[in-house]
Amino acid sequence: MAYALLLFLHVAGAAFWVGGMAAMHLCVRPAAASVLEPPQRLAFMAAALARFLRGVDVAMALLWASGLALFAALGGFRGTHWRIHAMFALALAMTLVYGFVRGRAFPALRAAVAQSQWPAAGARLATVRRLVGVNLALGTLVFAVALAGRAV
């Protein structure tokens, strides 16, 4: 029962993070770009990202806590399938990218928006967008490894 709960929390955290990145990257930002002028679009995206990133903070805490508990339950590196090792490595990479977004790129975006520096805010949003694209690709790869890796 505890294993099933940990697995649920892990998958729910991953679904929120990766699904949220897909929604923001593929739907919200392009829609905002098509209907809002830069000042409104950049302020909107900064506000939307602030809410999303707070959720990702929780999702990441769940992912790391549940993932490490599942990893330990399976016996650590020696007791796990190659796909677990791959997911662990990808999770580290995603966490580093997210750390940069959360700690550097997003605060720079918010500061530029607060100061009405629209070209700078646009450049910061482009950086966030590129990094979210990287993490979206890595997160999709994690799902592929988790599911397809079960068959190999």
C-alpha atoms as a PDB file:
ATOM      1  CA  MET A   1       0.000   0.000   0.000  1.00  0.00           C
ATOM      2  CA  ALA A   2       2.794   2.454   0.852  1.00  0.00           C
ATOM      3  CA  TYR A   3       4.535   1.625  -2.441  1.00  0.00           C
ATOM      4  CA  ALA A   4       1.331   2.314  -4.393  1.00  0.00           C
ATOM      5  CA  LEU A   5       0.873   5.655  -2.617  1.00  0.00           C
ATOM      6  CA  LEU A   6       4.478   6.662  -3.309  1.00  0.00           C
ATOM      7  CA  LEU A   7       4.093   5.678  -6.953  1.00  0.00           C
ATOM      8  CA  PHE A   8       0.845   7.672  -7.233  1.00  0.00           C
ATOM      9  CA  LEU A   9       2.456  10.770  -5.691  1.00  0.00           C
ATOM     10  CA  HIS A  10       5.409  10.385  -8.009  1.00  0.00           C
ATOM     11  CA  VAL A  11       3.346  10.044 -11.167  1.00  0.00           C
ATOM     12  CA  ALA A  12       0.990  12.863 -10.098  1.00  0.00           C
ATOM     13  CA  GLY A  13       3.951  15.196  -9.534  1.00  0.00           C
ATOM     14  CA  ALA A  14       5.452  14.276 -12.897  1.00  0.00           C
ATOM     15  CA  ALA A  15       2.126  14.687 -14.683  1.00  0.00           C
ATOM     16  CA  PHE A  16       1.622  18.146 -13.147  1.00  0.00           C
ATOM     17  CA  TRP A  17       5.119  19.328 -14.022  1.00  0.00           C
ATOM     18  CA  VAL A  18       5.391  17.914 -17.541  1.00  0.00           C
ATOM     19  CA  GLY A  19       1.757  18.513 -18.417  1.00  0.00           C
ATOM     20  CA  GLY A  20       1.967  22.045 -17.071  1.00  0.00           C
ATOM     21  CA  MET A  21       5.064  22.738 -19.133  1.00  0.00           C
ATOM     22  CA  ALA A  22       3.279  21.457 -22.232  1.00  0.00           C
ATOM     23  CA  ALA A  23       0.247  23.636 -21.533  1.00  0.00           C
ATOM     24  CA  MET A  24       2.321  26.755 -20.853  1.00  0.00           C
ATOM     25  CA  HIS A  25       4.754  26.210 -23.732  1.00  0.00           C
ATOM     26  CA  LEU A  26       2.390  24.988 -26.429  1.00  0.00           C
ATOM     27  CA  CYS A  27      -0.894  26.714 -25.544  1.00  0.00           C
ATOM     28  CA  VAL A  28      -0.766  29.589 -23.056  1.00  0.00           C
ATOM     29  CA  ARG A  29       2.262  31.506 -24.349  1.00  0.00           C
ATOM     30  CA  PRO A  30       1.338  31.243 -28.049  1.00  0.00           C
ATOM     31  CA  ALA A  31      -2.255  32.284 -27.287  1.00  0.00           C
ATOM     32  CA  ALA A  32      -1.054  35.244 -25.224  1.00  0.00           C
ATOM     33  CA  ALA A  33       1.325  36.223 -28.029  1.00  0.00           C
ATOM     34  CA  SER A  34      -1.497  36.171 -30.553  1.00  0.00           C
ATOM     35  CA  VAL A  35      -3.935  38.390 -28.635  1.00  0.00           C
ATOM     36  CA  LEU A  36      -1.944  40.601 -26.255  1.00  0.00           C
ATOM     37  CA  GLU A  37       0.464  43.453 -26.868  1.00  0.00           C
ATOM     38  CA  PRO A  38       3.943  42.966 -25.347  1.00  0.00           C
ATOM     39  CA  PRO A  39       3.339  44.856 -22.070  1.00  0.00           C
ATOM     40  CA  GLN A  40       0.146  42.926 -21.325  1.00  0.00           C
ATOM     41  CA  ARG A  41       1.536  39.633 -22.615  1.00  0.00           C
ATOM     42  CA  LEU A  42       4.738  39.870 -20.586  1.00  0.00           C
ATOM     43  CA  ALA A  43       2.890  40.873 -17.404  1.00  0.00           C
ATOM     44  CA  PHE A  44       0.395  38.047 -17.981  1.00  0.00           C
ATOM     45  CA  MET A  45       3.116  35.466 -18.571  1.00  0.00           C
ATOM     46  CA  ALA A  46       5.050  36.591 -15.492  1.00  0.00           C
ATOM     47  CA  ALA A  47       1.884  36.209 -13.391  1.00  0.00           C
ATOM     48  CA  ALA A  48       0.973  32.842 -14.929  1.00  0.00           C
ATOM     49  CA  LEU A  49       4.511  31.538 -14.480  1.00  0.00           C
ATOM     50  CA  ALA A  50       4.563  32.681 -10.844  1.00  0.00           C
ATOM     51  CA  ARG A  51       1.524  30.522 -10.125  1.00  0.00           C
ATOM     52  CA  PHE A  52       2.799  27.588 -12.162  1.00  0.00           C
ATOM     53  CA  LEU A  53       6.268  27.646 -10.604  1.00  0.00           C
ATOM     54  CA  ARG A  54       4.790  27.561  -7.095  1.00  0.00           C
ATOM     55  CA  GLY A  55       2.991  24.381  -8.134  1.00  0.00           C
ATOM     56  CA  VAL A  56       6.184  22.982  -9.639  1.00  0.00           C
ATOM     57  CA  ASP A  57       7.988  23.645  -6.350  1.00  0.00           C
ATOM     58  CA  VAL A  58       5.471  21.352  -4.640  1.00  0.00           C
ATOM     59  CA  ALA A  59       5.564  18.821  -7.483  1.00  0.00           C
ATOM     60  CA  MET A  60       9.371  18.677  -7.359  1.00  0.00           C
ATOM     61  CA  ALA A  61       9.372  18.139  -3.606  1.00  0.00           C
ATOM     62  CA  LEU A  62       6.891  15.284  -4.110  1.00  0.00           C
ATOM     63  CA  LEU A  63       8.888  13.875  -7.013  1.00  0.00           C
ATOM     64  CA  TRP A  64      12.198  13.851  -5.166  1.00  0.00           C
ATOM     65  CA  ALA A  65      10.758  12.563  -1.886  1.00  0.00           C
ATOM     66  CA  SER A  66       8.681   9.833  -3.508  1.00  0.00           C
ATOM     67  CA  GLY A  67      11.348   9.004  -6.086  1.00  0.00           C
ATOM     68  CA  LEU A  68      14.074   8.544  -3.509  1.00  0.00           C
ATOM     69  CA  ALA A  69      11.741   6.490  -1.297  1.00  0.00           C
ATOM     70  CA  LEU A  70      10.801   4.284  -4.269  1.00  0.00           C
ATOM     71  CA  PHE A  71      14.462   4.017  -5.228  1.00  0.00           C
ATOM     72  CA  ALA A  72      15.362   2.874  -1.719  1.00  0.00           C
ATOM     73  CA  ALA A  73      12.446   0.416  -1.651  1.00  0.00           C
ATOM     74  CA  LEU A  74      13.746  -1.146  -4.865  1.00  0.00           C
ATOM     75  CA  GLY A  75      17.222  -1.625  -3.431  1.00  0.00           C
ATOM     76  CA  GLY A  76      19.104   1.436  -4.671  1.00  0.00           C
ATOM     77  CA  PHE A  77      21.368   1.396  -7.710  1.00  0.00           C
ATOM     78  CA  ARG A  78      22.204  -2.295  -7.458  1.00  0.00           C
ATOM     79  CA  GLY A  79      18.604  -3.411  -7.174  1.00  0.00           C
ATOM     80  CA  THR A  80      17.074  -1.340  -9.952  1.00  0.00           C
ATOM     81  CA  HIS A  81      16.513  -1.653 -13.671  1.00  0.00           C
ATOM     82  CA  TRP A  82      18.455   0.560 -16.090  1.00  0.00           C
ATOM     83  CA  ARG A  83      15.358   2.701 -16.655  1.00  0.00           C
ATOM     84  CA  ILE A  84      15.423   3.791 -12.984  1.00  0.00           C
ATOM     85  CA  HIS A  85      19.035   4.900 -13.397  1.00  0.00           C
ATOM     86  CA  ALA A  86      18.082   6.793 -16.573  1.00  0.00           C
ATOM     87  CA  MET A  87      15.115   8.474 -14.890  1.00  0.00           C
ATOM     88  CA  PHE A  88      17.345   9.481 -11.977  1.00  0.00           C
ATOM     89  CA  ALA A  89      19.900  11.054 -14.337  1.00  0.00           C
ATOM     90  CA  LEU A  90      17.190  12.848 -16.306  1.00  0.00           C
ATOM     91  CA  ALA A  91      15.617  14.071 -13.057  1.00  0.00           C
ATOM     92  CA  LEU A  92      18.947  15.565 -12.011  1.00  0.00           C
ATOM     93  CA  ALA A  93      19.268  17.353 -15.356  1.00  0.00           C
ATOM     94  CA  MET A  94      15.684  18.636 -15.164  1.00  0.00           C
ATOM     95  CA  THR A  95      16.213  19.838 -11.605  1.00  0.00           C
ATOM     96  CA  LEU A  96      19.316  21.798 -12.634  1.00  0.00           C
ATOM     97  CA  VAL A  97      17.454  23.423 -15.531  1.00  0.00           C
ATOM     98  CA  TYR A  98      14.499  24.207 -13.261  1.00  0.00           C
ATOM     99  CA  GLY A  99      16.835  25.630 -10.625  1.00  0.00           C
ATOM    100  CA  PHE A 100      18.217  28.060 -13.192  1.00  0.00           C
ATOM    101  CA  VAL A 101      14.723  29.054 -14.329  1.00  0.00           C
ATOM    102  CA  ARG A 102      13.487  29.478 -10.757  1.00  0.00           C
ATOM    103  CA  GLY A 103      16.576  31.158  -9.367  1.00  0.00           C
ATOM    104  CA  ARG A 104      17.801  33.320 -12.246  1.00  0.00           C
ATOM    105  CA  ALA A 105      15.691  33.516 -15.406  1.00  0.00           C
ATOM    106  CA  PHE A 106      12.258  33.973 -13.829  1.00  0.00           C
ATOM    107  CA  PRO A 107      13.353  36.572 -11.242  1.00  0.00           C
ATOM    108  CA  ALA A 108      15.006  38.518 -14.095  1.00  0.00           C
ATOM    109  CA  LEU A 109      11.730  38.361 -16.053  1.00  0.00           C
ATOM    110  CA  ARG A 110       9.713  39.603 -13.070  1.00  0.00           C
ATOM    111  CA  ALA A 111      12.173  42.436 -12.429  1.00  0.00           C
ATOM    112  CA  ALA A 112      12.070  43.567 -16.062  1.00  0.00           C
ATOM    113  CA  VAL A 113       8.255  43.468 -16.055  1.00  0.00           C
ATOM    114  CA  ALA A 114       8.104  45.398 -12.761  1.00  0.00           C
ATOM    115  CA  GLN A 115      10.324  48.084 -14.275  1.00  0.00           C
ATOM    116  CA  SER A 116       8.364  48.128 -17.573  1.00  0.00           C
ATOM    117  CA  GLN A 117      11.526  47.194 -19.486  1.00  0.00           C
ATOM    118  CA  TRP A 118       9.635  45.386 -22.239  1.00  0.00           C
ATOM    119  CA  PRO A 119      12.525  44.423 -24.568  1.00  0.00           C
ATOM    120  CA  ALA A 120      14.486  43.022 -21.604  1.00  0.00           C
ATOM    121  CA  ALA A 121      11.366  41.244 -20.321  1.00  0.00           C
ATOM    122  CA  GLY A 122      10.818  39.738 -23.775  1.00  0.00           C
ATOM    123  CA  ALA A 123      14.390  38.461 -23.832  1.00  0.00           C
ATOM    124  CA  ARG A 124      13.988  36.964 -20.340  1.00  0.00           C
ATOM    125  CA  LEU A 125      10.724  35.302 -21.318  1.00  0.00           C
ATOM    126  CA  ALA A 126      12.455  33.843 -24.395  1.00  0.00           C
ATOM    127  CA  THR A 127      15.114  32.359 -22.093  1.00  0.00           C
ATOM    128  CA  VAL A 128      12.440  30.847 -19.856  1.00  0.00           C
ATOM    129  CA  ARG A 129      10.634  29.506 -22.933  1.00  0.00           C
ATOM    130  CA  ARG A 130      13.782  27.829 -24.285  1.00  0.00           C
ATOM    131  CA  LEU A 131      14.588  26.245 -20.928  1.00  0.00           C
ATOM    132  CA  VAL A 132      11.007  25.058 -20.478  1.00  0.00           C
ATOM    133  CA  GLY A 133      11.300  23.518 -23.953  1.00  0.00           C
ATOM    134  CA  VAL A 134      14.432  21.654 -22.857  1.00  0.00           C
ATOM    135  CA  ASN A 135      12.738  20.407 -19.696  1.00  0.00           C
ATOM    136  CA  LEU A 136       9.596  19.468 -21.613  1.00  0.00           C
ATOM    137  CA  ALA A 137      11.699  17.320 -23.942  1.00  0.00           C
ATOM    138  CA  LEU A 138      13.555  15.764 -20.988  1.00  0.00           C
ATOM    139  CA  GLY A 139      10.290  15.160 -19.120  1.00  0.00           C
ATOM    140  CA  THR A 140       8.752  13.497 -22.162  1.00  0.00           C
ATOM    141  CA  LEU A 141      11.850  11.319 -22.394  1.00  0.00           C
ATOM    142  CA  VAL A 142      11.398  10.356 -18.722  1.00  0.00           C
ATOM    143  CA  PHE A 143       7.858   9.154 -19.475  1.00  0.00           C
ATOM    144  CA  ALA A 144       9.145   7.218 -22.503  1.00  0.00           C
ATOM    145  CA  VAL A 145      11.905   5.592 -20.464  1.00  0.00           C
ATOM    146  CA  ALA A 146       9.514   4.759 -17.631  1.00  0.00           C
ATOM    147  CA  LEU A 147       6.953   3.137 -19.905  1.00  0.00           C
ATOM    148  CA  ALA A 148       8.944   1.695 -22.789  1.00  0.00           C
ATOM    149  CA  GLY A 149      11.776   0.679 -20.471  1.00  0.00           C
ATOM    150  CA  ARG A 150       9.434  -1.736 -18.733  1.00  0.00           C
ATOM    151  CA  ALA A 151       9.332  -3.817 -21.905  1.00  0.00           C
ATOM    152  CA  VAL A 152      13.105  -4.009 -22.329  1.00  0.00           C
END
